[in-house]
Amino acid sequence: MEIQQQDAKFIVSVFYASAPHTFWCQEVLLSQPTTVADVIALSGFEQIFPNINWQAAGVGLFGCKCSPEEQVSDGARIEVYRPLTFDPMQSRRRRAAHRRAQAMAKKTTRVKHKRQERVKTTTEQSTEKGHG
């Protein structure tokens, strides 16, 4: 489905971030309203990234997840999402455990210092009494 520049009524952009600071963008000229899936097919995404299953990872319009059957309008920004490389809940649990371990280490260090101060003061007092 080849669309001539003069037939185009609106433009839709397709974005894909292949890495955290690298992205691919393609503008698609359309003459009639169409779906997200059709725009992705017209953009050539599947030929450029044949190993990416965009339907499994998901797509969105302006950062809000949507279905591939959703209609697009002029100036729409379709974002093809990357699949997750880790489980967000597992990552949250790991961060929480790390924070707990740090808090316990800090608490243990404080208790040790207090004990050492008490030992010091008792030894200083006993030496002062002995010299008296």
Protein backbone atom coordinates (compact mmCIF):
# COMPACT_ATOMS: atom_id res chain seq x y z
CA MET A 1 0.00 0.00 0.00
CA GLU A 2 2.10 2.90 -1.34
CA ILE A 3 0.87 6.36 -0.37
CA GLN A 4 1.89 9.42 -2.36
CA GLN A 5 2.84 12.63 -0.51
CA GLN A 6 -0.16 14.58 -1.98
CA ASP A 7 -2.63 11.83 -0.92
CA ALA A 8 -1.43 11.86 2.70
CA LYS A 9 -3.89 13.42 5.11
CA PHE A 10 -2.00 12.81 8.34
CA ILE A 11 1.30 11.63 9.77
CA VAL A 12 1.84 9.03 12.49
CA SER A 13 5.23 8.34 14.15
CA VAL A 14 6.41 4.89 15.23
CA PHE A 15 9.11 4.73 17.92
CA TYR A 16 11.15 1.84 19.29
CA ALA A 17 13.94 2.15 21.86
CA SER A 18 16.31 -0.70 21.05
CA ALA A 19 18.58 0.29 23.96
CA PRO A 20 18.30 2.81 26.83
CA HIS A 21 19.81 5.69 24.80
CA THR A 22 19.16 4.46 21.25
CA PHE A 23 15.88 4.65 19.42
CA TRP A 24 14.40 4.08 15.99
CA CYS A 25 11.74 6.40 14.59
CA GLN A 26 9.73 6.19 11.38
CA GLU A 27 7.01 8.57 10.21
CA VAL A 28 4.18 7.01 8.24
CA LEU A 29 2.02 9.07 5.90
CA LEU A 30 -1.61 7.93 5.87
CA SER A 31 -4.55 8.85 3.66
CA GLN A 32 -7.21 7.19 5.80
CA PRO A 33 -7.65 6.24 9.47
CA THR A 34 -6.11 2.89 10.31
CA THR A 35 -5.10 0.74 13.27
CA VAL A 36 -1.88 0.64 15.27
CA ALA A 37 -1.03 -2.79 13.81
CA ASP A 38 -1.41 -1.50 10.24
CA VAL A 39 0.79 1.52 10.94
CA ILE A 40 3.51 -0.71 12.42
CA ALA A 41 3.32 -2.93 9.32
CA LEU A 42 3.57 0.13 7.03
CA SER A 43 6.53 1.52 8.99
CA GLY A 44 8.72 -1.47 8.10
CA PHE A 45 9.34 -2.28 11.77
CA GLU A 46 8.98 -6.04 11.27
CA GLN A 47 11.60 -6.04 8.47
CA ILE A 48 14.10 -3.96 10.45
CA PHE A 49 13.59 -5.82 13.76
CA PRO A 50 12.57 -9.36 12.70
CA ASN A 51 13.45 -10.88 16.10
CA ILE A 52 11.18 -8.54 18.10
CA ASN A 53 7.67 -9.78 18.83
CA TRP A 54 6.04 -6.36 19.28
CA GLN A 55 2.62 -7.89 19.99
CA ALA A 56 3.95 -9.80 23.01
CA ALA A 57 5.89 -6.80 24.39
CA GLY A 58 3.02 -4.40 23.77
CA VAL A 59 2.46 -1.03 22.14
CA GLY A 60 1.25 2.32 23.33
CA LEU A 61 -0.03 5.68 22.16
CA PHE A 62 1.82 8.58 23.80
CA GLY A 63 3.00 6.31 26.64
CA CYS A 64 -0.38 4.72 27.42
CA LYS A 65 -0.65 1.02 26.61
CA CYS A 66 -3.18 0.24 23.90
CA SER A 67 -4.31 -2.66 21.75
CA PRO A 68 -3.05 -3.21 18.19
CA GLU A 69 -6.64 -2.74 16.93
CA GLU A 70 -6.90 0.81 18.25
CA GLN A 71 -7.48 3.53 15.65
CA VAL A 72 -4.82 6.23 15.27
CA SER A 73 -5.28 9.90 14.50
CA ASP A 74 -3.10 12.63 13.00
CA GLY A 75 0.12 13.25 14.91
CA ALA A 76 -0.14 10.04 16.94
CA ARG A 77 3.02 8.63 18.50
CA ILE A 78 3.02 4.84 18.53
CA GLU A 79 5.58 3.34 20.88
CA VAL A 80 6.68 -0.26 20.52
CA TYR A 81 7.74 -1.53 23.94
CA ARG A 82 10.72 -3.76 24.69
CA PRO A 83 10.14 -7.02 26.53
CA LEU A 84 11.08 -6.94 30.22
CA THR A 85 14.54 -8.27 31.01
CA PHE A 86 13.75 -8.78 34.71
CA ASP A 87 10.75 -9.20 36.98
CA PRO A 88 9.90 -5.79 38.55
CA MET A 89 8.55 -7.40 41.73
CA GLN A 90 11.71 -9.45 42.21
CA SER A 91 13.80 -6.33 41.71
CA ARG A 92 11.72 -4.43 44.29
CA ARG A 93 12.15 -7.26 46.80
CA ARG A 94 15.92 -7.28 46.22
CA ARG A 95 16.14 -3.49 46.81
CA ALA A 96 14.03 -3.76 49.98
CA ALA A 97 16.24 -6.57 51.33
CA HIS A 98 19.32 -4.49 50.58
CA ARG A 99 17.86 -1.49 52.47
CA ARG A 100 16.99 -3.71 55.46
CA ALA A 101 20.53 -5.15 55.50
CA GLN A 102 22.02 -1.64 55.41
CA ALA A 103 19.76 -0.49 58.24
CA MET A 104 20.72 -3.51 60.36
CA ALA A 105 24.43 -2.95 59.68
CA LYS A 106 24.07 0.70 60.73
CA LYS A 107 22.19 -0.29 63.89
CA THR A 108 24.82 -2.93 64.78
CA THR A 109 27.62 -0.40 64.31
CA ARG A 110 25.85 2.13 66.58
CA VAL A 111 25.35 -0.49 69.31
CA LYS A 112 29.03 -1.52 69.08
CA HIS A 113 30.17 2.09 69.47
CA LYS A 114 27.92 2.59 72.52
CA ARG A 115 29.26 -0.59 74.13
CA GLN A 116 32.84 0.53 73.51
CA GLU A 117 32.09 3.92 75.07
CA ARG A 118 30.58 2.22 78.13
CA VAL A 119 33.58 -0.07 78.47
CA LYS A 120 35.90 2.91 78.12
CA THR A 121 34.12 4.95 80.76
CA THR A 122 34.06 2.05 83.22
CA THR A 123 37.77 1.37 82.68
CA GLU A 124 38.59 5.06 83.05
CA GLN A 125 36.58 5.22 86.29
CA SER A 126 38.28 2.16 87.75
CA THR A 127 41.74 3.51 86.90
CA GLU A 128 40.87 6.88 88.47
CA LYS A 129 39.73 5.12 91.65
CA GLY A 130 42.93 3.07 91.75
CA HIS A 131 45.15 6.19 91.53
CA GLY A 132 43.20 8.10 94.18
